[in-house]
Amino acid sequence: MTELVRTREELAKACAALTGTVGVVMTMGALHSGHETLLRAARERADHVLVTIFVNPLQFGPNEDFDRYPRTLATDLEACRRAGADLVFAPDREEMYPDGEPRVRVNPGLLGEDLEGLSRPGFFHGVLTVVLKLFQLTRPDLAFFGEKDYQQLTLVRRMARDFDVPVEVVGVPTVREPDGLALSSRNRYLSAQEREAALSLSAALRAGVDAADRGLDAGAVLAEAHRAFGSGAAGARLDYLVLTDPDLEPGPVAGPARLLVAAWVGATRLIDNAAIRLAPRS
């Protein structure tokens, strides 16, 4: 039975009754099968699974989609029940920010100013602030985040280490449609034509992975990825396509690396990424 709580007091009382390890999955709702994969991963490792559902206003810019972001609590609760969640915390804005938007926010540092942070100024200040608040409120042993939002995952891990938050941050592989499109709550905004164009992102990643598997160097891998993105269906406008090391430091030359892409498809901005392994330099 999945219990729904809406206030801090209800959450504290429900958490006090849990024994054993607690795994948390933090979401903004509009749950899809990718979220259910996170819940199942949490179910495998934790005695109890807690889900948070909160559309966080701090991570939306002035021209972004906060007002139209889908709120689907009833169907989200059904998804949580199917995946075996014990507890859902779904606060409203006033419950999370009783004094209004917080004057003190988590600074993500230089890593938070690149890639997504460059395209969406202030975004990671909002993400890390709400994640830290939810860590404090839920006190989990494990926290599960999808690798699709790879920069977010990296920053949450760094925040937990730097602030000595006693939680293990677990990355869960991206879930994809059969044609390769990464699952996202924003996919519902795409028209049929835009969805076809959105496949340019995953095509670029596949081309980069294939180039790395053939032993090509970093420059050639990136060139292949750009070529594949450009040959996709018209309608996707590239924001960035970069190759970094696994901790998002610039310029990998060999070994494990990460290929990350972001693009606008119509009015919708999508992101994706893939792990690759670069061959040693000869």
C-alpha atoms as a PDB file:
ATOM      1  CA  MET A   1       0.000   0.000   0.000  1.00  0.00           C
ATOM      2  CA  THR A   2       1.445   3.366  -1.048  1.00  0.00           C
ATOM      3  CA  GLU A   3       0.856   6.165   1.446  1.00  0.00           C
ATOM      4  CA  LEU A   4       0.498   9.772   0.270  1.00  0.00           C
ATOM      5  CA  VAL A   5       1.647  12.581   2.558  1.00  0.00           C
ATOM      6  CA  ARG A   6       1.495  16.302   1.801  1.00  0.00           C
ATOM      7  CA  THR A   7       3.091  18.065   4.779  1.00  0.00           C
ATOM      8  CA  ARG A   8       6.420  17.997   6.612  1.00  0.00           C
ATOM      9  CA  GLU A   9       4.711  16.737   9.766  1.00  0.00           C
ATOM     10  CA  GLU A  10       3.003  13.878   7.934  1.00  0.00           C
ATOM     11  CA  LEU A  11       6.304  13.006   6.249  1.00  0.00           C
ATOM     12  CA  ALA A  12       8.237  12.963   9.524  1.00  0.00           C
ATOM     13  CA  LYS A  13       5.629  10.719  11.161  1.00  0.00           C
ATOM     14  CA  ALA A  14       5.576   8.306   8.224  1.00  0.00           C
ATOM     15  CA  CYS A  15       9.382   8.153   7.991  1.00  0.00           C
ATOM     16  CA  ALA A  16       9.662   7.467  11.730  1.00  0.00           C
ATOM     17  CA  ALA A  17       7.658   4.287  11.210  1.00  0.00           C
ATOM     18  CA  LEU A  18      10.058   2.934   8.554  1.00  0.00           C
ATOM     19  CA  THR A  19      12.671   0.407   9.630  1.00  0.00           C
ATOM     20  CA  GLY A  20      15.707  -0.586   7.597  1.00  0.00           C
ATOM     21  CA  THR A  21      17.177   1.234   4.627  1.00  0.00           C
ATOM     22  CA  VAL A  22      15.268   3.937   2.784  1.00  0.00           C
ATOM     23  CA  GLY A  23      15.756   4.753  -0.893  1.00  0.00           C
ATOM     24  CA  VAL A  24      14.401   8.002  -2.336  1.00  0.00           C
ATOM     25  CA  VAL A  25      13.460   8.838  -5.915  1.00  0.00           C
ATOM     26  CA  MET A  26      12.990  12.583  -6.465  1.00  0.00           C
ATOM     27  CA  THR A  27      10.684  13.592  -9.310  1.00  0.00           C
ATOM     28  CA  MET A  28       8.616  16.471 -10.637  1.00  0.00           C
ATOM     29  CA  GLY A  29       5.766  14.099 -11.442  1.00  0.00           C
ATOM     30  CA  ALA A  30       4.450  13.227 -14.905  1.00  0.00           C
ATOM     31  CA  LEU A  31       5.966   9.815 -14.264  1.00  0.00           C
ATOM     32  CA  HIS A  32       6.804   7.536 -17.177  1.00  0.00           C
ATOM     33  CA  SER A  33       8.445   4.129 -17.478  1.00  0.00           C
ATOM     34  CA  GLY A  34      11.864   5.705 -16.957  1.00  0.00           C
ATOM     35  CA  HIS A  35      10.759   6.806 -13.495  1.00  0.00           C
ATOM     36  CA  GLU A  36       9.344   3.357 -12.841  1.00  0.00           C
ATOM     37  CA  THR A  37      12.775   1.939 -13.673  1.00  0.00           C
ATOM     38  CA  LEU A  38      14.225   4.207 -10.970  1.00  0.00           C
ATOM     39  CA  LEU A  39      11.599   2.961  -8.529  1.00  0.00           C
ATOM     40  CA  ARG A  40      12.341  -0.658  -9.328  1.00  0.00           C
ATOM     41  CA  ALA A  41      16.071  -0.023  -8.867  1.00  0.00           C
ATOM     42  CA  ALA A  42      15.304   1.492  -5.473  1.00  0.00           C
ATOM     43  CA  ARG A  43      13.039  -1.418  -4.612  1.00  0.00           C
ATOM     44  CA  GLU A  44      15.881  -3.872  -5.310  1.00  0.00           C
ATOM     45  CA  ARG A  45      18.327  -2.155  -2.978  1.00  0.00           C
ATOM     46  CA  ALA A  46      16.268  -0.555  -0.209  1.00  0.00           C
ATOM     47  CA  ASP A  47      13.852  -1.906   2.372  1.00  0.00           C
ATOM     48  CA  HIS A  48      11.535   1.052   1.777  1.00  0.00           C
ATOM     49  CA  VAL A  49      11.047   3.320  -1.249  1.00  0.00           C
ATOM     50  CA  LEU A  50      10.053   6.961  -0.852  1.00  0.00           C
ATOM     51  CA  VAL A  51       9.069   9.091  -3.847  1.00  0.00           C
ATOM     52  CA  THR A  52       8.951  12.879  -3.878  1.00  0.00           C
ATOM     53  CA  ILE A  53       6.734  14.686  -6.393  1.00  0.00           C
ATOM     54  CA  PHE A  54       7.260  18.428  -6.573  1.00  0.00           C
ATOM     55  CA  VAL A  55       7.397  20.759  -9.561  1.00  0.00           C
ATOM     56  CA  ASN A  56      10.205  22.975  -8.329  1.00  0.00           C
ATOM     57  CA  PRO A  57       9.797  26.601  -9.458  1.00  0.00           C
ATOM     58  CA  LEU A  58      13.416  27.427  -8.653  1.00  0.00           C
ATOM     59  CA  GLN A  59      14.723  25.468 -11.634  1.00  0.00           C
ATOM     60  CA  PHE A  60      12.556  27.133 -14.280  1.00  0.00           C
ATOM     61  CA  GLY A  61      13.738  30.246 -16.056  1.00  0.00           C
ATOM     62  CA  PRO A  62      11.384  33.141 -16.892  1.00  0.00           C
ATOM     63  CA  ASN A  63      10.720  31.832 -20.417  1.00  0.00           C
ATOM     64  CA  GLU A  64      10.535  28.134 -19.543  1.00  0.00           C
ATOM     65  CA  ASP A  65       7.605  25.793 -19.126  1.00  0.00           C
ATOM     66  CA  PHE A  66       6.746  25.900 -15.391  1.00  0.00           C
ATOM     67  CA  ASP A  67       3.075  26.746 -15.958  1.00  0.00           C
ATOM     68  CA  ARG A  68       2.545  24.107 -18.621  1.00  0.00           C
ATOM     69  CA  TYR A  69       4.612  21.408 -16.939  1.00  0.00           C
ATOM     70  CA  PRO A  70       2.172  18.479 -16.513  1.00  0.00           C
ATOM     71  CA  ARG A  71       0.687  17.855 -13.071  1.00  0.00           C
ATOM     72  CA  THR A  72      -0.651  14.271 -13.046  1.00  0.00           C
ATOM     73  CA  LEU A  73      -0.728  13.241  -9.393  1.00  0.00           C
ATOM     74  CA  ALA A  74      -3.467  10.601  -9.700  1.00  0.00           C
ATOM     75  CA  THR A  75      -1.687   8.672 -12.465  1.00  0.00           C
ATOM     76  CA  ASP A  76       1.676   9.244 -10.755  1.00  0.00           C
ATOM     77  CA  LEU A  77       0.341   7.547  -7.629  1.00  0.00           C
ATOM     78  CA  GLU A  78      -0.747   4.579  -9.716  1.00  0.00           C
ATOM     79  CA  ALA A  79       2.759   4.308 -11.160  1.00  0.00           C
ATOM     80  CA  CYS A  80       4.222   4.426  -7.651  1.00  0.00           C
ATOM     81  CA  ARG A  81       1.874   1.675  -6.508  1.00  0.00           C
ATOM     82  CA  ARG A  82       2.791  -0.510  -9.487  1.00  0.00           C
ATOM     83  CA  ALA A  83       6.478  -0.113  -8.699  1.00  0.00           C
ATOM     84  CA  GLY A  84       6.018  -0.882  -5.009  1.00  0.00           C
ATOM     85  CA  ALA A  85       6.714   2.537  -3.478  1.00  0.00           C
ATOM     86  CA  ASP A  86       5.912   2.723   0.220  1.00  0.00           C
ATOM     87  CA  LEU A  87       5.541   6.475   0.587  1.00  0.00           C
ATOM     88  CA  VAL A  88       4.914   9.485  -1.670  1.00  0.00           C
ATOM     89  CA  PHE A  89       5.668  13.002  -0.461  1.00  0.00           C
ATOM     90  CA  ALA A  90       3.845  15.528  -2.680  1.00  0.00           C
ATOM     91  CA  PRO A  91       4.084  18.962  -1.044  1.00  0.00           C
ATOM     92  CA  ASP A  92       2.741  22.158  -2.526  1.00  0.00           C
ATOM     93  CA  ARG A  93       4.860  25.253  -3.099  1.00  0.00           C
ATOM     94  CA  GLU A  94       4.015  26.810   0.269  1.00  0.00           C
ATOM     95  CA  GLU A  95       4.944  23.618   2.112  1.00  0.00           C
ATOM     96  CA  MET A  96       8.357  23.430   0.471  1.00  0.00           C
ATOM     97  CA  TYR A  97       9.071  27.149   0.660  1.00  0.00           C
ATOM     98  CA  PRO A  98       7.029  28.464   3.601  1.00  0.00           C
ATOM     99  CA  ASP A  99       8.942  31.764   3.659  1.00  0.00           C
ATOM    100  CA  GLY A 100       8.785  32.234  -0.092  1.00  0.00           C
ATOM    101  CA  GLU A 101      11.661  31.469  -2.416  1.00  0.00           C
ATOM    102  CA  PRO A 102      14.785  30.857  -0.301  1.00  0.00           C
ATOM    103  CA  ARG A 103      17.270  33.699  -0.059  1.00  0.00           C
ATOM    104  CA  VAL A 104      20.115  31.214   0.483  1.00  0.00           C
ATOM    105  CA  ARG A 105      20.662  28.694  -2.310  1.00  0.00           C
ATOM    106  CA  VAL A 106      23.226  26.028  -3.098  1.00  0.00           C
ATOM    107  CA  ASN A 107      25.925  27.315  -5.441  1.00  0.00           C
ATOM    108  CA  PRO A 108      26.877  24.569  -7.940  1.00  0.00           C
ATOM    109  CA  GLY A 109      30.260  26.168  -8.703  1.00  0.00           C
ATOM    110  CA  LEU A 110      31.929  26.207 -12.096  1.00  0.00           C
ATOM    111  CA  LEU A 111      30.497  22.842 -13.146  1.00  0.00           C
ATOM    112  CA  GLY A 112      27.002  24.251 -12.750  1.00  0.00           C
ATOM    113  CA  GLU A 113      27.769  27.151 -15.099  1.00  0.00           C
ATOM    114  CA  ASP A 114      28.676  24.977 -18.101  1.00  0.00           C
ATOM    115  CA  LEU A 115      26.494  22.933 -20.498  1.00  0.00           C
ATOM    116  CA  GLU A 116      22.963  23.050 -19.024  1.00  0.00           C
ATOM    117  CA  GLY A 117      24.022  25.807 -16.644  1.00  0.00           C
ATOM    118  CA  LEU A 118      25.259  27.933 -19.541  1.00  0.00           C
ATOM    119  CA  SER A 119      22.030  27.489 -21.468  1.00  0.00           C
ATOM    120  CA  ARG A 120      19.816  27.784 -18.369  1.00  0.00           C
ATOM    121  CA  PRO A 121      21.410  30.269 -15.936  1.00  0.00           C
ATOM    122  CA  GLY A 122      20.494  29.551 -12.323  1.00  0.00           C
ATOM    123  CA  PHE A 123      19.041  26.148 -13.173  1.00  0.00           C
ATOM    124  CA  PHE A 124      21.374  24.093 -10.990  1.00  0.00           C
ATOM    125  CA  HIS A 125      21.113  26.543  -8.096  1.00  0.00           C
ATOM    126  CA  GLY A 126      17.424  25.609  -8.041  1.00  0.00           C
ATOM    127  CA  VAL A 127      18.003  21.889  -8.551  1.00  0.00           C
ATOM    128  CA  LEU A 128      20.619  21.494  -5.825  1.00  0.00           C
ATOM    129  CA  THR A 129      18.695  23.674  -3.384  1.00  0.00           C
ATOM    130  CA  VAL A 130      15.561  21.549  -3.612  1.00  0.00           C
ATOM    131  CA  VAL A 131      17.548  18.284  -3.604  1.00  0.00           C
ATOM    132  CA  LEU A 132      19.389  19.309  -0.446  1.00  0.00           C
ATOM    133  CA  LYS A 133      16.096  20.325   1.199  1.00  0.00           C
ATOM    134  CA  LEU A 134      14.562  16.973   0.279  1.00  0.00           C
ATOM    135  CA  PHE A 135      17.617  15.107   1.571  1.00  0.00           C
ATOM    136  CA  GLN A 136      17.112  16.891   4.889  1.00  0.00           C
ATOM    137  CA  LEU A 137      13.388  16.144   4.973  1.00  0.00           C
ATOM    138  CA  THR A 138      13.517  12.486   3.887  1.00  0.00           C
ATOM    139  CA  ARG A 139      16.899  11.423   5.379  1.00  0.00           C
ATOM    140  CA  PRO A 140      17.408   8.545   2.909  1.00  0.00           C
ATOM    141  CA  ASP A 141      20.207   5.997   2.855  1.00  0.00           C
ATOM    142  CA  LEU A 142      20.202   5.872  -0.949  1.00  0.00           C
ATOM    143  CA  ALA A 143      19.019   8.291  -3.632  1.00  0.00           C
ATOM    144  CA  PHE A 144      18.353   7.202  -7.214  1.00  0.00           C
ATOM    145  CA  PHE A 145      18.780   9.552 -10.182  1.00  0.00           C
ATOM    146  CA  GLY A 146      18.561   8.806 -13.896  1.00  0.00           C
ATOM    147  CA  GLU A 147      21.668   9.090 -16.058  1.00  0.00           C
ATOM    148  CA  LYS A 148      19.683  10.961 -18.722  1.00  0.00           C
ATOM    149  CA  ASP A 149      20.156  14.089 -16.597  1.00  0.00           C
ATOM    150  CA  TYR A 150      23.854  13.325 -16.332  1.00  0.00           C
ATOM    151  CA  GLN A 151      25.074  16.759 -15.290  1.00  0.00           C
ATOM    152  CA  GLN A 152      22.445  16.834 -12.554  1.00  0.00           C
ATOM    153  CA  LEU A 153      23.533  13.387 -11.342  1.00  0.00           C
ATOM    154  CA  THR A 154      27.174  14.486 -11.311  1.00  0.00           C
ATOM    155  CA  LEU A 155      26.401  17.660  -9.366  1.00  0.00           C
ATOM    156  CA  VAL A 156      24.208  15.869  -6.816  1.00  0.00           C
ATOM    157  CA  ARG A 157      27.015  13.378  -6.197  1.00  0.00           C
ATOM    158  CA  ARG A 158      29.501  16.221  -5.779  1.00  0.00           C
ATOM    159  CA  MET A 159      27.166  18.108  -3.430  1.00  0.00           C
ATOM    160  CA  ALA A 160      26.652  15.025  -1.273  1.00  0.00           C
ATOM    161  CA  ARG A 161      30.435  14.561  -1.013  1.00  0.00           C
ATOM    162  CA  ASP A 162      31.281  18.219  -0.454  1.00  0.00           C
ATOM    163  CA  PHE A 163      28.541  18.781   2.139  1.00  0.00           C
ATOM    164  CA  ASP A 164      29.013  15.400   3.879  1.00  0.00           C
ATOM    165  CA  VAL A 165      25.418  14.351   3.230  1.00  0.00           C
ATOM    166  CA  PRO A 166      25.211  10.720   4.440  1.00  0.00           C
ATOM    167  CA  VAL A 167      23.535   9.310   1.341  1.00  0.00           C
ATOM    168  CA  GLU A 168      24.699   7.069  -1.497  1.00  0.00           C
ATOM    169  CA  VAL A 169      23.757   8.637  -4.837  1.00  0.00           C
ATOM    170  CA  VAL A 170      22.980   5.889  -7.353  1.00  0.00           C
ATOM    171  CA  GLY A 171      22.870   6.479 -11.113  1.00  0.00           C
ATOM    172  CA  VAL A 172      20.364   4.441 -13.142  1.00  0.00           C
ATOM    173  CA  PRO A 173      20.817   3.962 -16.919  1.00  0.00           C
ATOM    174  CA  THR A 174      18.624   5.932 -19.329  1.00  0.00           C
ATOM    175  CA  VAL A 175      15.426   4.249 -20.511  1.00  0.00           C
ATOM    176  CA  ARG A 176      14.688   4.607 -24.228  1.00  0.00           C
ATOM    177  CA  GLU A 177      11.886   4.069 -26.693  1.00  0.00           C
ATOM    178  CA  PRO A 178      12.493   1.235 -29.198  1.00  0.00           C
ATOM    179  CA  ASP A 179      13.714   3.804 -31.753  1.00  0.00           C
ATOM    180  CA  GLY A 180      16.281   5.200 -29.319  1.00  0.00           C
ATOM    181  CA  LEU A 181      14.550   8.365 -28.063  1.00  0.00           C
ATOM    182  CA  ALA A 182      15.304   8.883 -24.382  1.00  0.00           C
ATOM    183  CA  LEU A 183      12.186   8.933 -22.236  1.00  0.00           C
ATOM    184  CA  SER A 184      11.328  12.385 -20.913  1.00  0.00           C
ATOM    185  CA  SER A 185       8.239  14.043 -19.483  1.00  0.00           C
ATOM    186  CA  ARG A 186       8.759  16.721 -22.153  1.00  0.00           C
ATOM    187  CA  ASN A 187       8.380  14.250 -25.031  1.00  0.00           C
ATOM    188  CA  ARG A 188       4.612  14.705 -24.748  1.00  0.00           C
ATOM    189  CA  TYR A 189       5.029  18.229 -26.117  1.00  0.00           C
ATOM    190  CA  LEU A 190       6.402  16.933 -29.441  1.00  0.00           C
ATOM    191  CA  SER A 191       4.297  16.698 -32.573  1.00  0.00           C
ATOM    192  CA  ALA A 192       4.765  13.636 -34.790  1.00  0.00           C
ATOM    193  CA  GLN A 193       7.128  15.606 -37.037  1.00  0.00           C
ATOM    194  CA  GLU A 194       9.056  16.977 -34.064  1.00  0.00           C
ATOM    195  CA  ARG A 195       9.383  13.540 -32.538  1.00  0.00           C
ATOM    196  CA  GLU A 196      11.036  12.343 -35.745  1.00  0.00           C
ATOM    197  CA  ALA A 197      13.433  15.286 -35.568  1.00  0.00           C
ATOM    198  CA  ALA A 198      14.184  14.481 -31.924  1.00  0.00           C
ATOM    199  CA  LEU A 199      15.813  11.228 -33.004  1.00  0.00           C
ATOM    200  CA  SER A 200      18.766  13.351 -34.138  1.00  0.00           C
ATOM    201  CA  LEU A 201      19.964  13.396 -30.518  1.00  0.00           C
ATOM    202  CA  SER A 202      20.167   9.643 -30.058  1.00  0.00           C
ATOM    203  CA  ALA A 203      21.516   9.233 -33.605  1.00  0.00           C
ATOM    204  CA  ALA A 204      24.424  11.532 -32.737  1.00  0.00           C
ATOM    205  CA  LEU A 205      25.168   9.517 -29.624  1.00  0.00           C
ATOM    206  CA  ARG A 206      25.048   6.196 -31.460  1.00  0.00           C
ATOM    207  CA  ALA A 207      27.414   7.526 -34.096  1.00  0.00           C
ATOM    208  CA  GLY A 208      29.841   8.712 -31.427  1.00  0.00           C
ATOM    209  CA  VAL A 209      29.740   5.403 -29.576  1.00  0.00           C
ATOM    210  CA  ASP A 210      30.286   3.507 -32.830  1.00  0.00           C
ATOM    211  CA  ALA A 211      33.233   5.743 -33.754  1.00  0.00           C
ATOM    212  CA  ALA A 212      34.818   5.179 -30.348  1.00  0.00           C
ATOM    213  CA  ASP A 213      34.291   1.421 -30.672  1.00  0.00           C
ATOM    214  CA  ARG A 214      36.181   1.591 -33.991  1.00  0.00           C
ATOM    215  CA  GLY A 215      39.139   3.130 -32.201  1.00  0.00           C
ATOM    216  CA  LEU A 216      38.802   6.700 -33.485  1.00  0.00           C
ATOM    217  CA  ASP A 217      40.237   9.512 -31.406  1.00  0.00           C
ATOM    218  CA  ALA A 218      38.239  12.155 -29.529  1.00  0.00           C
ATOM    219  CA  GLY A 219      38.158  14.648 -32.381  1.00  0.00           C
ATOM    220  CA  ALA A 220      36.962  12.066 -34.881  1.00  0.00           C
ATOM    221  CA  VAL A 221      34.351  10.729 -32.441  1.00  0.00           C
ATOM    222  CA  LEU A 222      32.925  14.204 -31.991  1.00  0.00           C
ATOM    223  CA  ALA A 223      32.991  14.855 -35.739  1.00  0.00           C
ATOM    224  CA  GLU A 224      31.037  11.642 -36.401  1.00  0.00           C
ATOM    225  CA  ALA A 225      28.473  12.608 -33.790  1.00  0.00           C
ATOM    226  CA  HIS A 226      28.026  16.074 -35.329  1.00  0.00           C
ATOM    227  CA  ARG A 227      27.669  14.548 -38.789  1.00  0.00           C
ATOM    228  CA  ALA A 228      24.942  12.177 -37.607  1.00  0.00           C
ATOM    229  CA  PHE A 229      23.058  14.951 -35.838  1.00  0.00           C
ATOM    230  CA  GLY A 230      23.137  17.114 -38.951  1.00  0.00           C
ATOM    231  CA  SER A 231      21.878  14.313 -41.194  1.00  0.00           C
ATOM    232  CA  GLY A 232      18.755  13.733 -39.080  1.00  0.00           C
ATOM    233  CA  ALA A 233      15.256  14.968 -39.810  1.00  0.00           C
ATOM    234  CA  ALA A 234      14.954  18.745 -40.122  1.00  0.00           C
ATOM    235  CA  GLY A 235      13.698  20.590 -37.074  1.00  0.00           C
ATOM    236  CA  ALA A 236      16.299  19.935 -34.366  1.00  0.00           C
ATOM    237  CA  ARG A 237      18.507  22.922 -33.498  1.00  0.00           C
ATOM    238  CA  LEU A 238      21.713  21.972 -31.723  1.00  0.00           C
ATOM    239  CA  ASP A 239      22.555  23.678 -28.445  1.00  0.00           C
ATOM    240  CA  TYR A 240      25.665  21.678 -27.587  1.00  0.00           C
ATOM    241  CA  LEU A 241      27.352  18.392 -28.440  1.00  0.00           C
ATOM    242  CA  VAL A 242      30.430  17.802 -26.319  1.00  0.00           C
ATOM    243  CA  LEU A 243      32.807  15.105 -25.184  1.00  0.00           C
ATOM    244  CA  THR A 244      34.022  15.155 -21.580  1.00  0.00           C
ATOM    245  CA  ASP A 245      35.482  12.842 -18.985  1.00  0.00           C
ATOM    246  CA  PRO A 246      33.002  10.969 -16.717  1.00  0.00           C
ATOM    247  CA  ASP A 247      33.130  13.761 -14.107  1.00  0.00           C
ATOM    248  CA  LEU A 248      32.388  16.363 -16.819  1.00  0.00           C
ATOM    249  CA  GLU A 249      35.882  17.766 -16.883  1.00  0.00           C
ATOM    250  CA  PRO A 250      36.895  18.976 -20.373  1.00  0.00           C
ATOM    251  CA  GLY A 251      39.018  17.243 -22.948  1.00  0.00           C
ATOM    252  CA  PRO A 252      39.251  13.474 -22.431  1.00  0.00           C
ATOM    253  CA  VAL A 253      41.998  11.903 -24.546  1.00  0.00           C
ATOM    254  CA  ALA A 254      41.641   8.237 -23.605  1.00  0.00           C
ATOM    255  CA  GLY A 255      39.608   5.847 -21.529  1.00  0.00           C
ATOM    256  CA  PRO A 256      36.073   6.370 -20.134  1.00  0.00           C
ATOM    257  CA  ALA A 257      34.280   9.484 -21.402  1.00  0.00           C
ATOM    258  CA  ARG A 258      30.808  10.980 -21.774  1.00  0.00           C
ATOM    259  CA  LEU A 259      29.176  12.312 -24.911  1.00  0.00           C
ATOM    260  CA  LEU A 260      26.429  14.855 -24.144  1.00  0.00           C
ATOM    261  CA  VAL A 261      23.928  16.545 -26.438  1.00  0.00           C
ATOM    262  CA  ALA A 262      21.181  19.153 -26.061  1.00  0.00           C
ATOM    263  CA  ALA A 263      18.906  20.521 -28.768  1.00  0.00           C
ATOM    264  CA  TRP A 264      15.699  22.444 -29.338  1.00  0.00           C
ATOM    265  CA  VAL A 265      12.980  20.582 -31.192  1.00  0.00           C
ATOM    266  CA  GLY A 266      10.265  23.083 -31.917  1.00  0.00           C
ATOM    267  CA  ALA A 267       9.611  24.800 -28.573  1.00  0.00           C
ATOM    268  CA  THR A 268      10.888  21.835 -26.558  1.00  0.00           C
ATOM    269  CA  ARG A 269      14.441  21.470 -25.317  1.00  0.00           C
ATOM    270  CA  LEU A 270      15.758  17.903 -25.003  1.00  0.00           C
ATOM    271  CA  ILE A 271      18.969  16.442 -23.605  1.00  0.00           C
ATOM    272  CA  ASP A 272      20.659  13.062 -23.844  1.00  0.00           C
ATOM    273  CA  ASN A 273      24.060  11.464 -23.274  1.00  0.00           C
ATOM    274  CA  ALA A 274      25.995   8.232 -23.594  1.00  0.00           C
ATOM    275  CA  ALA A 275      29.029   6.612 -22.027  1.00  0.00           C
ATOM    276  CA  ILE A 276      31.897   5.858 -24.411  1.00  0.00           C
ATOM    277  CA  ARG A 277      35.455   4.571 -24.130  1.00  0.00           C
ATOM    278  CA  LEU A 278      38.157   6.304 -26.120  1.00  0.00           C
ATOM    279  CA  ALA A 279      41.110   4.336 -27.407  1.00  0.00           C
ATOM    280  CA  PRO A 280      44.586   5.160 -26.035  1.00  0.00           C
ATOM    281  CA  ARG A 281      46.563   7.691 -28.008  1.00  0.00           C
ATOM    282  CA  SER A 282      49.125   6.057 -30.273  1.00  0.00           C
END
